[in-house]
């Protein structure tokens, strides 16, 4: 599994946890938002290529 696929999987899991967490009023919503943010960072940094 590559970094981009892993990031997309984290993003999907984060969205599911955020939706479920808001319905249940549990800390799962915060974890979901954190996973989506982490997935975004992974996707942005995976696009950068070093010039060397």
N, C-alpha and C. Protein backbone atom coordinates (compact mmCIF):
# COMPACT_ATOMS: atom_id res chain seq x y z
N UNK A 1 0.85 -1.16 0.00
CA UNK A 1 0.00 0.00 0.00
C UNK A 1 0.91 1.24 0.00
N UNK A 2 0.64 2.12 -0.94
CA UNK A 2 1.43 3.34 -1.05
C UNK A 2 0.94 4.41 -0.08
N UNK A 3 1.68 5.50 -0.04
CA UNK A 3 1.36 6.59 0.87
C UNK A 3 0.03 7.24 0.49
N UNK A 4 -0.20 7.41 -0.81
CA UNK A 4 -1.45 8.06 -1.23
C UNK A 4 -2.66 7.21 -0.90
N UNK A 5 -2.55 5.92 -1.11
CA UNK A 5 -3.67 5.03 -0.77
C UNK A 5 -3.92 5.02 0.73
N UNK A 6 -2.85 5.00 1.49
CA UNK A 6 -2.96 5.04 2.96
C UNK A 6 -3.63 6.33 3.40
N UNK A 7 -3.24 7.45 2.79
CA UNK A 7 -3.84 8.73 3.14
C UNK A 7 -5.32 8.76 2.80
N UNK A 8 -5.69 8.24 1.64
CA UNK A 8 -7.12 8.20 1.28
C UNK A 8 -7.90 7.31 2.24
N UNK A 9 -7.31 6.18 2.65
CA UNK A 9 -7.98 5.29 3.61
C UNK A 9 -8.17 6.00 4.95
N UNK A 10 -7.14 6.74 5.40
CA UNK A 10 -7.27 7.50 6.64
C UNK A 10 -8.37 8.56 6.51
N UNK A 11 -8.43 9.21 5.36
CA UNK A 11 -9.45 10.22 5.14
C UNK A 11 -10.86 9.66 5.20
N UNK A 12 -11.06 8.54 4.56
CA UNK A 12 -12.39 7.90 4.57
C UNK A 12 -12.75 7.45 5.98
N UNK A 13 -11.79 6.85 6.68
CA UNK A 13 -12.04 6.42 8.05
C UNK A 13 -12.33 7.63 8.95
N UNK A 14 -11.61 8.72 8.71
CA UNK A 14 -11.84 9.93 9.49
C UNK A 14 -13.22 10.50 9.28
N UNK A 15 -13.68 10.52 8.04
CA UNK A 15 -15.03 11.04 7.75
C UNK A 15 -16.09 10.16 8.42
N UNK A 16 -15.91 8.86 8.34
CA UNK A 16 -16.87 7.94 8.97
C UNK A 16 -16.89 8.15 10.48
N UNK A 17 -15.70 8.24 11.08
CA UNK A 17 -15.65 8.46 12.52
C UNK A 17 -16.24 9.80 12.92
N UNK A 18 -15.99 10.83 12.11
CA UNK A 18 -16.53 12.15 12.44
C UNK A 18 -18.05 12.14 12.38
N UNK A 19 -18.61 11.54 11.36
CA UNK A 19 -20.07 11.48 11.25
C UNK A 19 -20.67 10.65 12.38
N UNK A 20 -20.08 9.51 12.66
CA UNK A 20 -20.59 8.66 13.73
C UNK A 20 -20.41 9.34 15.09
N UNK A 21 -19.29 10.00 15.29
CA UNK A 21 -19.02 10.65 16.56
C UNK A 21 -19.96 11.79 16.85
N UNK A 22 -20.32 12.55 15.81
CA UNK A 22 -21.25 13.66 16.03
C UNK A 22 -22.65 13.16 16.36
N UNK A 23 -23.02 12.03 15.79
CA UNK A 23 -24.33 11.48 16.11
C UNK A 23 -24.37 10.93 17.53
N UNK A 24 -23.28 10.37 17.97
CA UNK A 24 -23.23 9.74 19.29
C UNK A 24 -22.70 10.66 20.38
N UNK A 25 -22.22 11.84 20.03
CA UNK A 25 -21.64 12.80 20.96
C UNK A 25 -20.49 12.17 21.75
N UNK A 26 -19.59 11.54 21.03
CA UNK A 26 -18.43 10.92 21.66
C UNK A 26 -17.15 11.56 21.11
N UNK A 27 -16.01 11.26 21.70
CA UNK A 27 -14.76 11.83 21.19
C UNK A 27 -14.36 11.28 19.83
N UNK A 28 -15.12 10.37 19.29
CA UNK A 28 -14.83 9.84 17.96
C UNK A 28 -14.86 10.91 16.90
N UNK A 29 -15.65 11.94 17.09
CA UNK A 29 -15.72 13.04 16.12
C UNK A 29 -14.38 13.76 16.06
N UNK A 30 -13.77 14.01 17.22
CA UNK A 30 -12.47 14.67 17.23
C UNK A 30 -11.41 13.81 16.56
N UNK A 31 -11.43 12.52 16.83
CA UNK A 31 -10.47 11.60 16.21
C UNK A 31 -10.67 11.58 14.70
N UNK A 32 -11.92 11.61 14.27
CA UNK A 32 -12.20 11.63 12.83
C UNK A 32 -11.67 12.88 12.16
N UNK A 33 -11.86 14.02 12.79
CA UNK A 33 -11.35 15.27 12.23
C UNK A 33 -9.82 15.25 12.19
N UNK A 34 -9.21 14.71 13.23
CA UNK A 34 -7.75 14.62 13.27
C UNK A 34 -7.24 13.70 12.17
N UNK A 35 -7.92 12.60 11.90
CA UNK A 35 -7.51 11.69 10.83
C UNK A 35 -7.65 12.33 9.46
N UNK A 36 -8.70 13.09 9.26
CA UNK A 36 -8.87 13.79 7.98
C UNK A 36 -7.76 14.82 7.79
N UNK A 37 -7.40 15.53 8.85
CA UNK A 37 -6.31 16.50 8.77
C UNK A 37 -4.99 15.79 8.47
N UNK A 38 -4.74 14.67 9.11
CA UNK A 38 -3.52 13.91 8.86
C UNK A 38 -3.48 13.40 7.42
N UNK A 39 -4.61 12.95 6.92
CA UNK A 39 -4.67 12.50 5.53
C UNK A 39 -4.37 13.65 4.58
N UNK A 40 -4.88 14.82 4.87
CA UNK A 40 -4.59 15.98 4.04
C UNK A 40 -3.11 16.32 4.02
N UNK A 41 -2.48 16.27 5.18
CA UNK A 41 -1.04 16.54 5.26
C UNK A 41 -0.27 15.50 4.47
N UNK A 42 -0.65 14.25 4.60
CA UNK A 42 0.04 13.19 3.85
C UNK A 42 -0.11 13.37 2.35
N UNK A 43 -1.30 13.72 1.90
CA UNK A 43 -1.51 13.91 0.47
C UNK A 43 -0.73 15.11 -0.07
N UNK A 44 -0.69 16.18 0.70
CA UNK A 44 0.04 17.37 0.25
C UNK A 44 1.54 17.10 0.20
N UNK A 45 2.07 16.46 1.22
CA UNK A 45 3.51 16.22 1.26
C UNK A 45 3.94 15.09 0.33
N UNK A 46 3.03 14.20 -0.04
CA UNK A 46 3.42 13.12 -0.95
C UNK A 46 3.60 13.61 -2.37
N UNK A 47 3.05 14.79 -2.69
CA UNK A 47 3.18 15.33 -4.03
C UNK A 47 4.50 16.03 -4.26
N UNK A 48 5.18 16.40 -3.21
CA UNK A 48 6.45 17.11 -3.33
C UNK A 48 7.55 16.15 -3.71
N UNK A 49 8.32 16.52 -4.68
CA UNK A 49 9.45 15.73 -5.13
C UNK A 49 10.73 16.53 -4.93
N UNK A 50 11.76 15.93 -4.36
CA UNK A 50 13.03 16.67 -4.22
C UNK A 50 13.68 16.89 -5.59
N UNK A 51 14.38 18.00 -5.74
CA UNK A 51 15.03 18.32 -7.00
C UNK A 51 16.32 17.56 -7.23
N UNK A 52 16.87 16.93 -6.22
CA UNK A 52 18.14 16.24 -6.38
C UNK A 52 17.99 14.84 -6.92
